[in-house]
């Protein structure tokens, strides 16, 4: 498989539990379908529930041709904003693979860490309901979606403890 930038042979490696192809020259990485999501989940378990569906709402795409071709399908890759961030990733419409340039994975993780706090504080109950529904409807398997729901629920405990320390103290005293 050739690098879409350098046009040299890429090497296979394991990256956070996923087999990816990476270019030894430009250090870009090719993720197969769902590979970026599972690598993100493995990197930071607290981000597991927060998924950016790059293909879900095509009306939100800000698509532009990149001049790069998919290393699997040989069709042009398209540049898409990662969620509402300024990070642009290159995607293939056919195989749904994702190309990340050097350093973009770290930028995505940093973006998601910031988004995690915004999402949980601003839209907590909406996210809790959404994750509760996804336990039964997917897109991931039951166990994975249940883990996502429990992470959101754990965040509720932290949020409650921070916002209402006096109530938490009273509850703790009543248990003794």
C-alpha atoms as a PDB file:
ATOM      1  CA  UNK A   1       0.000   0.000   0.000  1.00  0.00           C
ATOM      2  CA  UNK A   2       1.440   3.359  -1.041  1.00  0.00           C
ATOM      3  CA  UNK A   3       1.406   6.534   1.034  1.00  0.00           C
ATOM      4  CA  UNK A   4      -1.042   9.074  -0.458  1.00  0.00           C
ATOM      5  CA  UNK A   5       1.508  11.861   0.089  1.00  0.00           C
ATOM      6  CA  UNK A   6       4.971  10.362  -0.444  1.00  0.00           C
ATOM      7  CA  UNK A   7       3.965   7.565  -2.819  1.00  0.00           C
ATOM      8  CA  UNK A   8       6.253   5.106  -1.002  1.00  0.00           C
ATOM      9  CA  UNK A   9       5.384   1.759   0.536  1.00  0.00           C
ATOM     10  CA  UNK A  10       3.749   2.100   3.967  1.00  0.00           C
ATOM     11  CA  UNK A  11       4.465  -0.210   6.876  1.00  0.00           C
ATOM     12  CA  UNK A  12       1.908  -1.996   9.043  1.00  0.00           C
ATOM     13  CA  UNK A  13       1.990  -1.369  12.764  1.00  0.00           C
ATOM     14  CA  UNK A  14      -0.282  -1.718  15.784  1.00  0.00           C
ATOM     15  CA  UNK A  15      -1.531   1.649  17.007  1.00  0.00           C
ATOM     16  CA  UNK A  16      -3.645   1.560  20.167  1.00  0.00           C
ATOM     17  CA  UNK A  17      -4.852  -1.943  19.409  1.00  0.00           C
ATOM     18  CA  UNK A  18      -5.513  -1.329  15.697  1.00  0.00           C
ATOM     19  CA  UNK A  19      -3.521  -2.390  12.697  1.00  0.00           C
ATOM     20  CA  UNK A  20      -2.741   0.758  10.725  1.00  0.00           C
ATOM     21  CA  UNK A  21      -0.520   1.520   7.777  1.00  0.00           C
ATOM     22  CA  UNK A  22       1.936   4.327   8.396  1.00  0.00           C
ATOM     23  CA  UNK A  23       4.404   6.135   6.210  1.00  0.00           C
ATOM     24  CA  UNK A  24       7.971   6.060   7.565  1.00  0.00           C
ATOM     25  CA  UNK A  25       8.730   9.299   5.719  1.00  0.00           C
ATOM     26  CA  UNK A  26       5.849  11.725   6.462  1.00  0.00           C
ATOM     27  CA  UNK A  27       4.533   9.741   9.495  1.00  0.00           C
ATOM     28  CA  UNK A  28       0.946   9.843   8.245  1.00  0.00           C
ATOM     29  CA  UNK A  29      -1.395   6.977   9.153  1.00  0.00           C
ATOM     30  CA  UNK A  30      -4.138   5.107   7.300  1.00  0.00           C
ATOM     31  CA  UNK A  31      -7.028   3.784   9.406  1.00  0.00           C
ATOM     32  CA  UNK A  32      -9.421   1.196   8.042  1.00  0.00           C
ATOM     33  CA  UNK A  33     -13.172   1.646   8.586  1.00  0.00           C
ATOM     34  CA  UNK A  34     -13.866   2.226  12.327  1.00  0.00           C
ATOM     35  CA  UNK A  35     -10.124   2.072  13.075  1.00  0.00           C
ATOM     36  CA  UNK A  36      -9.846   5.712  14.168  1.00  0.00           C
ATOM     37  CA  UNK A  37     -12.798   5.329  16.554  1.00  0.00           C
ATOM     38  CA  UNK A  38     -11.417   2.169  18.144  1.00  0.00           C
ATOM     39  CA  UNK A  39      -7.902   3.654  18.454  1.00  0.00           C
ATOM     40  CA  UNK A  40      -9.412   6.733  20.148  1.00  0.00           C
ATOM     41  CA  UNK A  41     -11.383   4.473  22.512  1.00  0.00           C
ATOM     42  CA  UNK A  42      -8.238   2.533  23.398  1.00  0.00           C
ATOM     43  CA  UNK A  43      -6.167   5.706  23.905  1.00  0.00           C
ATOM     44  CA  UNK A  44      -8.607   7.242  26.407  1.00  0.00           C
ATOM     45  CA  UNK A  45     -11.429   5.142  27.854  1.00  0.00           C
ATOM     46  CA  UNK A  46     -13.238   8.291  29.091  1.00  0.00           C
ATOM     47  CA  UNK A  47     -13.650   9.389  25.459  1.00  0.00           C
ATOM     48  CA  UNK A  48     -15.233   6.093  24.419  1.00  0.00           C
ATOM     49  CA  UNK A  49     -18.798   7.461  24.486  1.00  0.00           C
ATOM     50  CA  UNK A  50     -17.902  10.532  22.432  1.00  0.00           C
ATOM     51  CA  UNK A  51     -17.919   9.488  18.784  1.00  0.00           C
ATOM     52  CA  UNK A  52     -17.699  11.757  15.770  1.00  0.00           C
ATOM     53  CA  UNK A  53     -19.618  10.182  12.902  1.00  0.00           C
ATOM     54  CA  UNK A  54     -17.790  11.521   9.856  1.00  0.00           C
ATOM     55  CA  UNK A  55     -20.280   9.977   7.419  1.00  0.00           C
ATOM     56  CA  UNK A  56     -23.537  10.456   9.350  1.00  0.00           C
ATOM     57  CA  UNK A  57     -24.745  13.917   8.292  1.00  0.00           C
ATOM     58  CA  UNK A  58     -23.427  14.681   4.832  1.00  0.00           C
ATOM     59  CA  UNK A  59     -25.090  18.123   4.864  1.00  0.00           C
ATOM     60  CA  UNK A  60     -22.505  19.221   7.460  1.00  0.00           C
ATOM     61  CA  UNK A  61     -19.558  18.169   5.312  1.00  0.00           C
ATOM     62  CA  UNK A  62     -17.181  20.856   4.211  1.00  0.00           C
ATOM     63  CA  UNK A  63     -15.706  18.698   1.512  1.00  0.00           C
ATOM     64  CA  UNK A  64     -12.756  19.605  -0.634  1.00  0.00           C
ATOM     65  CA  UNK A  65     -10.547  17.424  -2.793  1.00  0.00           C
ATOM     66  CA  UNK A  66      -7.108  16.905  -1.306  1.00  0.00           C
ATOM     67  CA  UNK A  67      -5.079  15.817  -4.311  1.00  0.00           C
ATOM     68  CA  UNK A  68      -4.440  12.553  -2.427  1.00  0.00           C
ATOM     69  CA  UNK A  69      -5.768   9.168  -3.488  1.00  0.00           C
ATOM     70  CA  UNK A  70      -7.054   6.400  -1.241  1.00  0.00           C
ATOM     71  CA  UNK A  71      -4.289   3.826  -0.763  1.00  0.00           C
ATOM     72  CA  UNK A  72      -6.910   1.043  -0.900  1.00  0.00           C
ATOM     73  CA  UNK A  73      -9.406   2.161  -3.567  1.00  0.00           C
ATOM     74  CA  UNK A  74      -7.236   4.611  -5.580  1.00  0.00           C
ATOM     75  CA  UNK A  75     -10.093   7.154  -5.676  1.00  0.00           C
ATOM     76  CA  UNK A  76      -9.599  10.769  -4.555  1.00  0.00           C
ATOM     77  CA  UNK A  77      -9.697  11.416  -0.822  1.00  0.00           C
ATOM     78  CA  UNK A  78     -11.835  14.242   0.506  1.00  0.00           C
ATOM     79  CA  UNK A  79     -10.943  16.589   3.315  1.00  0.00           C
ATOM     80  CA  UNK A  80     -13.613  16.773   6.042  1.00  0.00           C
ATOM     81  CA  UNK A  81     -13.713  18.773   9.279  1.00  0.00           C
ATOM     82  CA  UNK A  82     -13.556  16.482  12.295  1.00  0.00           C
ATOM     83  CA  UNK A  83     -16.820  17.322  14.046  1.00  0.00           C
ATOM     84  CA  UNK A  84     -16.985  21.052  14.738  1.00  0.00           C
ATOM     85  CA  UNK A  85     -13.214  21.345  15.136  1.00  0.00           C
ATOM     86  CA  UNK A  86     -10.720  22.948  12.784  1.00  0.00           C
ATOM     87  CA  UNK A  87      -9.017  19.575  12.291  1.00  0.00           C
ATOM     88  CA  UNK A  88      -9.323  18.312   8.732  1.00  0.00           C
ATOM     89  CA  UNK A  89      -9.022  14.601   8.058  1.00  0.00           C
ATOM     90  CA  UNK A  90      -8.933  12.902   4.676  1.00  0.00           C
ATOM     91  CA  UNK A  91     -11.592  10.272   4.039  1.00  0.00           C
ATOM     92  CA  UNK A  92     -12.467   7.771   1.341  1.00  0.00           C
ATOM     93  CA  UNK A  93     -16.127   7.610   0.340  1.00  0.00           C
ATOM     94  CA  UNK A  94     -15.864   3.987  -0.769  1.00  0.00           C
ATOM     95  CA  UNK A  95     -14.005   2.092   1.951  1.00  0.00           C
ATOM     96  CA  UNK A  96     -14.549   4.723   4.684  1.00  0.00           C
ATOM     97  CA  UNK A  97     -10.861   4.694   5.513  1.00  0.00           C
ATOM     98  CA  UNK A  98      -9.285   7.767   7.104  1.00  0.00           C
ATOM     99  CA  UNK A  99      -5.877   9.329   6.479  1.00  0.00           C
ATOM    100  CA  UNK A 100      -4.327  11.358   9.282  1.00  0.00           C
ATOM    101  CA  UNK A 101      -1.310  13.540   8.717  1.00  0.00           C
ATOM    102  CA  UNK A 102       1.455  13.598  11.313  1.00  0.00           C
ATOM    103  CA  UNK A 103       0.191  14.890  14.672  1.00  0.00           C
ATOM    104  CA  UNK A 104      -3.517  14.877  13.787  1.00  0.00           C
ATOM    105  CA  UNK A 105      -4.342  11.965  16.099  1.00  0.00           C
ATOM    106  CA  UNK A 106      -3.043  13.952  19.081  1.00  0.00           C
ATOM    107  CA  UNK A 107      -5.024  16.995  17.947  1.00  0.00           C
ATOM    108  CA  UNK A 108      -8.166  14.849  17.736  1.00  0.00           C
ATOM    109  CA  UNK A 109      -7.628  13.464  21.255  1.00  0.00           C
ATOM    110  CA  UNK A 110      -7.032  16.975  22.645  1.00  0.00           C
ATOM    111  CA  UNK A 111     -10.150  18.259  20.864  1.00  0.00           C
ATOM    112  CA  UNK A 112     -12.252  15.380  22.237  1.00  0.00           C
ATOM    113  CA  UNK A 113     -10.961  15.915  25.791  1.00  0.00           C
ATOM    114  CA  UNK A 114     -12.104  19.544  25.642  1.00  0.00           C
ATOM    115  CA  UNK A 115     -15.376  18.557  23.986  1.00  0.00           C
ATOM    116  CA  UNK A 116     -15.972  15.922  26.657  1.00  0.00           C
ATOM    117  CA  UNK A 117     -16.237  18.581  29.346  1.00  0.00           C
ATOM    118  CA  UNK A 118     -18.354  20.906  27.218  1.00  0.00           C
ATOM    119  CA  UNK A 119     -20.711  18.122  26.177  1.00  0.00           C
ATOM    120  CA  UNK A 120     -21.151  16.669  29.632  1.00  0.00           C
ATOM    121  CA  UNK A 121     -21.731  20.008  31.318  1.00  0.00           C
ATOM    122  CA  UNK A 122     -23.925  21.663  28.682  1.00  0.00           C
ATOM    123  CA  UNK A 123     -25.859  18.704  27.313  1.00  0.00           C
ATOM    124  CA  UNK A 124     -25.554  16.114  30.046  1.00  0.00           C
ATOM    125  CA  UNK A 125     -29.101  14.725  30.076  1.00  0.00           C
ATOM    126  CA  UNK A 126     -29.342  14.799  26.280  1.00  0.00           C
ATOM    127  CA  UNK A 127     -26.124  12.762  26.018  1.00  0.00           C
ATOM    128  CA  UNK A 128     -27.246  10.403  28.783  1.00  0.00           C
ATOM    129  CA  UNK A 129     -30.548   9.742  26.963  1.00  0.00           C
ATOM    130  CA  UNK A 130     -28.761   9.321  23.612  1.00  0.00           C
ATOM    131  CA  UNK A 131     -26.294   6.815  25.075  1.00  0.00           C
ATOM    132  CA  UNK A 132     -29.134   4.989  26.852  1.00  0.00           C
ATOM    133  CA  UNK A 133     -30.980   4.541  23.561  1.00  0.00           C
ATOM    134  CA  UNK A 134     -27.798   3.446  21.800  1.00  0.00           C
ATOM    135  CA  UNK A 135     -27.384   0.613  24.323  1.00  0.00           C
ATOM    136  CA  UNK A 136     -30.240  -1.089  22.463  1.00  0.00           C
ATOM    137  CA  UNK A 137     -29.948   0.391  18.959  1.00  0.00           C
ATOM    138  CA  UNK A 138     -26.183   0.570  18.308  1.00  0.00           C
ATOM    139  CA  UNK A 139     -24.212   1.391  16.164  1.00  0.00           C
ATOM    140  CA  UNK A 140     -21.690  -0.513  18.316  1.00  0.00           C
ATOM    141  CA  UNK A 141     -22.418  -3.841  20.018  1.00  0.00           C
ATOM    142  CA  UNK A 142     -24.493  -4.003  23.232  1.00  0.00           C
ATOM    143  CA  UNK A 143     -21.531  -4.296  25.584  1.00  0.00           C
ATOM    144  CA  UNK A 144     -19.658  -1.386  24.001  1.00  0.00           C
ATOM    145  CA  UNK A 145     -22.725   0.869  24.091  1.00  0.00           C
ATOM    146  CA  UNK A 146     -23.412  -0.115  27.715  1.00  0.00           C
ATOM    147  CA  UNK A 147     -19.839   0.856  28.612  1.00  0.00           C
ATOM    148  CA  UNK A 148     -20.398   4.235  26.924  1.00  0.00           C
ATOM    149  CA  UNK A 149     -23.585   4.746  28.958  1.00  0.00           C
ATOM    150  CA  UNK A 150     -21.806   3.868  32.215  1.00  0.00           C
ATOM    151  CA  UNK A 151     -19.026   6.353  31.458  1.00  0.00           C
ATOM    152  CA  UNK A 152     -21.616   9.119  31.077  1.00  0.00           C
ATOM    153  CA  UNK A 153     -23.249   8.005  34.307  1.00  0.00           C
ATOM    154  CA  UNK A 154     -19.875   8.103  36.094  1.00  0.00           C
ATOM    155  CA  UNK A 155     -19.407  11.664  34.882  1.00  0.00           C
ATOM    156  CA  UNK A 156     -22.776  12.510  36.487  1.00  0.00           C
ATOM    157  CA  UNK A 157     -21.379  11.456  39.859  1.00  0.00           C
ATOM    158  CA  UNK A 158     -18.356  13.734  39.415  1.00  0.00           C
ATOM    159  CA  UNK A 159     -20.477  16.607  38.154  1.00  0.00           C
ATOM    160  CA  UNK A 160     -22.928  16.265  41.035  1.00  0.00           C
ATOM    161  CA  UNK A 161     -20.119  16.115  43.600  1.00  0.00           C
ATOM    162  CA  UNK A 162     -18.534  19.280  42.219  1.00  0.00           C
ATOM    163  CA  UNK A 163     -21.759  21.263  41.894  1.00  0.00           C
ATOM    164  CA  UNK A 164     -23.351  20.163  45.183  1.00  0.00           C
ATOM    165  CA  UNK A 165     -20.600  19.345  47.722  1.00  0.00           C
ATOM    166  CA  UNK A 166     -22.874  20.047  50.701  1.00  0.00           C
ATOM    167  CA  UNK A 167     -25.446  17.480  49.565  1.00  0.00           C
ATOM    168  CA  UNK A 168     -22.701  14.915  48.952  1.00  0.00           C
ATOM    169  CA  UNK A 169     -21.347  15.578  52.448  1.00  0.00           C
ATOM    170  CA  UNK A 170     -24.839  15.081  53.953  1.00  0.00           C
ATOM    171  CA  UNK A 171     -25.319  11.833  52.036  1.00  0.00           C
ATOM    172  CA  UNK A 172     -21.894  10.605  53.178  1.00  0.00           C
ATOM    173  CA  UNK A 173     -22.705  11.439  56.824  1.00  0.00           C
ATOM    174  CA  UNK A 174     -26.051   9.610  56.662  1.00  0.00           C
ATOM    175  CA  UNK A 175     -24.302   6.372  55.612  1.00  0.00           C
ATOM    176  CA  UNK A 176     -22.191   6.300  58.777  1.00  0.00           C
END
